[in-house]
Amino acid sequence: DGELLQKTLVREDHAYTLIHNPEYLYEEELLAMEESTSVMAITEGGQDNHRAHSNGWLFLLFIFCSWVITIFMTVRSFRKQSSKHPRIP
């Protein structure tokens, strides 16, 4: 259709410009398209990305809490065992 694939991807918020090469002919045009995209308009893909980001933090919180509980139970078990068998000096 005569249109660059990069333009279509940037316009539909499926891509963004990461590498800046002064020899690339269409860099300024892509950057202008990127800047003209409305920040207030969140597409469905943007909502999914935000939801995935939130779920990632919840997953990390779950893993952290699991480790804390495991360490707590291990220390508690060790203390119970050491109290059953007192050391003789």
N, C-alpha and C. Protein backbone atom coordinates (compact mmCIF):
# COMPACT_ATOMS: atom_id res chain seq x y z
N ASP A 1 0.82 -1.20 0.00
CA ASP A 1 0.00 0.00 0.00
C ASP A 1 0.86 1.26 0.00
N GLY A 2 2.18 1.11 0.00
CA GLY A 2 3.06 2.26 -0.08
C GLY A 2 3.35 2.92 1.26
N GLU A 3 2.89 2.36 2.37
CA GLU A 3 3.13 2.96 3.68
C GLU A 3 4.12 2.08 4.45
N LEU A 4 5.00 2.72 5.18
CA LEU A 4 5.97 1.98 5.97
C LEU A 4 5.29 1.20 7.09
N LEU A 5 5.77 0.00 7.31
CA LEU A 5 5.25 -0.81 8.40
C LEU A 5 5.50 -0.13 9.74
N GLN A 6 6.64 0.51 9.90
CA GLN A 6 6.97 1.20 11.14
C GLN A 6 5.94 2.28 11.46
N LYS A 7 5.49 3.01 10.43
CA LYS A 7 4.48 4.06 10.63
C LYS A 7 3.19 3.47 11.18
N THR A 8 2.77 2.37 10.58
CA THR A 8 1.53 1.73 11.01
C THR A 8 1.65 1.25 12.45
N LEU A 9 2.76 0.64 12.79
CA LEU A 9 2.94 0.13 14.15
C LEU A 9 2.99 1.25 15.18
N VAL A 10 3.66 2.35 14.87
CA VAL A 10 3.72 3.49 15.80
C VAL A 10 2.35 4.12 15.94
N ARG A 11 1.63 4.28 14.84
CA ARG A 11 0.30 4.90 14.88
C ARG A 11 -0.67 4.08 15.73
N GLU A 12 -0.57 2.75 15.67
CA GLU A 12 -1.48 1.88 16.42
C GLU A 12 -0.96 1.53 17.81
N ASP A 13 0.10 2.20 18.25
CA ASP A 13 0.70 2.01 19.56
C ASP A 13 1.18 0.58 19.80
N HIS A 14 1.65 -0.08 18.75
CA HIS A 14 2.23 -1.40 18.88
C HIS A 14 3.76 -1.33 18.91
N ALA A 15 4.32 -0.15 18.66
CA ALA A 15 5.76 0.02 18.63
C ALA A 15 6.11 1.46 19.00
N TYR A 16 7.38 1.67 19.30
CA TYR A 16 7.88 3.02 19.56
C TYR A 16 9.33 3.08 19.11
N THR A 17 9.83 4.29 18.95
CA THR A 17 11.19 4.48 18.47
C THR A 17 12.14 4.37 19.64
N LEU A 18 13.07 3.42 19.55
CA LEU A 18 14.02 3.21 20.63
C LEU A 18 15.43 3.58 20.21
N ILE A 19 15.81 3.20 19.01
CA ILE A 19 17.15 3.48 18.51
C ILE A 19 17.09 4.71 17.61
N HIS A 20 17.98 5.64 17.83
CA HIS A 20 18.00 6.85 17.03
C HIS A 20 19.26 6.84 16.15
N ASN A 21 19.03 6.74 14.87
CA ASN A 21 20.11 6.69 13.89
C ASN A 21 19.99 7.92 12.99
N PRO A 22 20.96 8.79 12.99
CA PRO A 22 20.85 10.01 12.18
C PRO A 22 20.81 9.73 10.67
N GLU A 23 21.22 8.56 10.24
CA GLU A 23 21.22 8.22 8.82
C GLU A 23 19.89 7.62 8.36
N TYR A 24 18.99 7.32 9.29
CA TYR A 24 17.69 6.73 8.92
C TYR A 24 16.79 7.84 8.39
N LEU A 25 16.28 7.66 7.20
CA LEU A 25 15.53 8.72 6.52
C LEU A 25 14.20 9.07 7.20
N TYR A 26 13.56 8.10 7.81
CA TYR A 26 12.20 8.31 8.32
C TYR A 26 12.16 8.52 9.83
N GLU A 27 13.30 8.71 10.46
CA GLU A 27 13.35 8.83 11.92
C GLU A 27 12.54 10.04 12.42
N GLU A 28 12.74 11.19 11.81
CA GLU A 28 12.03 12.39 12.25
C GLU A 28 10.52 12.23 12.09
N GLU A 29 10.11 11.61 11.02
CA GLU A 29 8.68 11.40 10.78
C GLU A 29 8.09 10.45 11.83
N LEU A 30 8.80 9.39 12.16
CA LEU A 30 8.33 8.45 13.18
C LEU A 30 8.28 9.10 14.56
N LEU A 31 9.30 9.89 14.87
CA LEU A 31 9.30 10.59 16.16
C LEU A 31 8.15 11.58 16.26
N ALA A 32 7.87 12.27 15.17
CA ALA A 32 6.75 13.22 15.16
C ALA A 32 5.43 12.49 15.36
N MET A 33 5.29 11.33 14.73
CA MET A 33 4.05 10.54 14.91
C MET A 33 3.93 10.07 16.35
N GLU A 34 5.05 9.69 16.93
CA GLU A 34 5.05 9.21 18.31
C GLU A 34 4.64 10.32 19.27
N GLU A 35 5.15 11.52 19.06
CA GLU A 35 4.84 12.65 19.94
C GLU A 35 3.41 13.13 19.76
N SER A 36 2.84 12.95 18.58
CA SER A 36 1.49 13.43 18.33
C SER A 36 0.42 12.49 18.87
N THR A 37 0.81 11.29 19.30
CA THR A 37 -0.16 10.36 19.85
C THR A 37 -0.65 10.89 21.19
N SER A 38 -1.95 10.87 21.38
CA SER A 38 -2.54 11.40 22.60
C SER A 38 -2.19 10.52 23.80
N VAL A 39 -1.73 11.14 24.85
CA VAL A 39 -1.37 10.41 26.06
C VAL A 39 -2.63 10.03 26.83
N MET A 40 -3.66 10.84 26.72
CA MET A 40 -4.89 10.60 27.47
C MET A 40 -5.68 9.43 26.92
N ALA A 41 -5.52 9.13 25.67
CA ALA A 41 -6.29 8.04 25.06
C ALA A 41 -5.56 6.73 25.28
N ILE A 42 -6.09 5.91 26.18
CA ILE A 42 -5.48 4.62 26.46
C ILE A 42 -6.22 3.57 25.64
N THR A 43 -5.46 2.87 24.84
CA THR A 43 -6.07 1.82 24.03
C THR A 43 -6.27 0.58 24.87
N GLU A 44 -6.98 -0.39 24.32
CA GLU A 44 -7.20 -1.64 25.04
C GLU A 44 -5.87 -2.31 25.35
N GLY A 45 -4.94 -2.25 24.43
CA GLY A 45 -3.62 -2.84 24.65
C GLY A 45 -2.90 -2.17 25.80
N GLY A 46 -3.07 -0.87 25.95
CA GLY A 46 -2.46 -0.15 27.05
C GLY A 46 -3.04 -0.56 28.38
N GLN A 47 -4.34 -0.82 28.42
CA GLN A 47 -4.96 -1.29 29.65
C GLN A 47 -4.45 -2.68 30.01
N ASP A 48 -4.28 -3.55 29.02
CA ASP A 48 -3.76 -4.89 29.28
C ASP A 48 -2.35 -4.81 29.82
N ASN A 49 -1.56 -3.91 29.25
CA ASN A 49 -0.19 -3.75 29.71
C ASN A 49 -0.16 -3.27 31.16
N HIS A 50 -1.02 -2.31 31.50
CA HIS A 50 -1.10 -1.82 32.87
C HIS A 50 -1.54 -2.93 33.81
N ARG A 51 -2.52 -3.72 33.39
CA ARG A 51 -3.01 -4.83 34.21
C ARG A 51 -1.90 -5.86 34.43
N ALA A 52 -1.13 -6.17 33.39
CA ALA A 52 -0.04 -7.13 33.51
C ALA A 52 1.04 -6.58 34.45
N HIS A 53 1.30 -5.28 34.37
CA HIS A 53 2.28 -4.66 35.26
C HIS A 53 1.82 -4.77 36.71
N SER A 54 0.55 -4.52 36.98
CA SER A 54 0.02 -4.64 38.34
C SER A 54 0.09 -6.07 38.83
N ASN A 55 -0.23 -7.03 37.96
CA ASN A 55 -0.18 -8.42 38.35
C ASN A 55 1.25 -8.85 38.65
N GLY A 56 2.22 -8.26 37.98
CA GLY A 56 3.62 -8.58 38.24
C GLY A 56 4.01 -8.21 39.65
N TRP A 57 3.61 -7.02 40.11
CA TRP A 57 3.92 -6.61 41.48
C TRP A 57 3.21 -7.49 42.49
N LEU A 58 1.99 -7.90 42.21
CA LEU A 58 1.28 -8.79 43.12
C LEU A 58 1.98 -10.14 43.21
N PHE A 59 2.47 -10.63 42.08
CA PHE A 59 3.19 -11.90 42.07
C PHE A 59 4.47 -11.79 42.90
N LEU A 60 5.22 -10.70 42.74
CA LEU A 60 6.43 -10.51 43.53
C LEU A 60 6.11 -10.41 45.02
N LEU A 61 5.02 -9.75 45.37
CA LEU A 61 4.59 -9.65 46.76
C LEU A 61 4.26 -11.03 47.31
N PHE A 62 3.58 -11.84 46.52
CA PHE A 62 3.24 -13.20 46.93
C PHE A 62 4.50 -14.03 47.18
N ILE A 63 5.47 -13.95 46.27
CA ILE A 63 6.73 -14.69 46.43
C ILE A 63 7.46 -14.22 47.68
N PHE A 64 7.53 -12.92 47.89
CA PHE A 64 8.21 -12.38 49.07
C PHE A 64 7.54 -12.87 50.36
N CYS A 65 6.23 -12.80 50.41
CA CYS A 65 5.50 -13.26 51.61
C CYS A 65 5.71 -14.76 51.82
N SER A 66 5.75 -15.53 50.75
CA SER A 66 6.00 -16.97 50.87
C SER A 66 7.36 -17.23 51.49
N TRP A 67 8.37 -16.49 51.05
CA TRP A 67 9.71 -16.65 51.62
C TRP A 67 9.74 -16.25 53.09
N VAL A 68 9.09 -15.18 53.45
CA VAL A 68 9.06 -14.74 54.84
C VAL A 68 8.39 -15.80 55.71
N ILE A 69 7.29 -16.35 55.25
CA ILE A 69 6.59 -17.39 56.01
C ILE A 69 7.45 -18.64 56.14
N THR A 70 8.12 -19.03 55.08
CA THR A 70 9.00 -20.19 55.11
C THR A 70 10.14 -20.01 56.11
N ILE A 71 10.77 -18.85 56.07
CA ILE A 71 11.86 -18.58 57.01
C ILE A 71 11.34 -18.55 58.44
N PHE A 72 10.19 -17.94 58.66
CA PHE A 72 9.60 -17.89 59.99
C PHE A 72 9.31 -19.29 60.51
N MET A 73 8.73 -20.14 59.69
CA MET A 73 8.41 -21.51 60.10
C MET A 73 9.67 -22.31 60.39
N THR A 74 10.72 -22.09 59.59
CA THR A 74 11.99 -22.80 59.81
C THR A 74 12.61 -22.39 61.14
N VAL A 75 12.65 -21.11 61.42
CA VAL A 75 13.21 -20.62 62.68
C VAL A 75 12.39 -21.13 63.85
N ARG A 76 11.10 -21.11 63.73
CA ARG A 76 10.21 -21.59 64.79
C ARG A 76 10.43 -23.07 65.05
N SER A 77 10.55 -23.85 63.99
CA SER A 77 10.80 -25.27 64.13
C SER A 77 12.15 -25.53 64.79
N PHE A 78 13.17 -24.77 64.41
CA PHE A 78 14.50 -24.91 65.00
C PHE A 78 14.47 -24.59 66.50
N ARG A 79 13.74 -23.55 66.88
CA ARG A 79 13.65 -23.17 68.29
C ARG A 79 12.93 -24.25 69.11
N LYS A 80 11.88 -24.86 68.53
CA LYS A 80 11.17 -25.93 69.23
C LYS A 80 12.09 -27.12 69.44
N GLN A 81 12.87 -27.47 68.44
CA GLN A 81 13.78 -28.61 68.56
C GLN A 81 14.88 -28.33 69.58
N SER A 82 15.40 -27.12 69.58
CA SER A 82 16.47 -26.80 70.52
C SER A 82 15.95 -26.69 71.95
N SER A 83 14.68 -26.36 72.15
CA SER A 83 14.13 -26.29 73.51
C SER A 83 13.84 -27.69 74.05
N LYS A 84 13.59 -28.67 73.19
CA LYS A 84 13.37 -30.05 73.63
C LYS A 84 14.67 -30.69 74.09
N HIS A 85 15.78 -30.31 73.50
CA HIS A 85 17.09 -30.88 73.79
C HIS A 85 18.01 -29.77 74.29
N PRO A 86 17.93 -29.44 75.56
CA PRO A 86 18.81 -28.36 76.05
C PRO A 86 20.28 -28.79 76.02
N ARG A 87 21.12 -27.86 75.77
CA ARG A 87 22.54 -28.12 75.73
C ARG A 87 23.10 -28.17 77.15
N ILE A 88 23.97 -29.08 77.34
CA ILE A 88 24.61 -29.21 78.66
C ILE A 88 25.98 -28.55 78.57
N PRO A 89 26.24 -27.57 79.44
CA PRO A 89 27.54 -26.89 79.38
C PRO A 89 28.68 -27.71 79.93
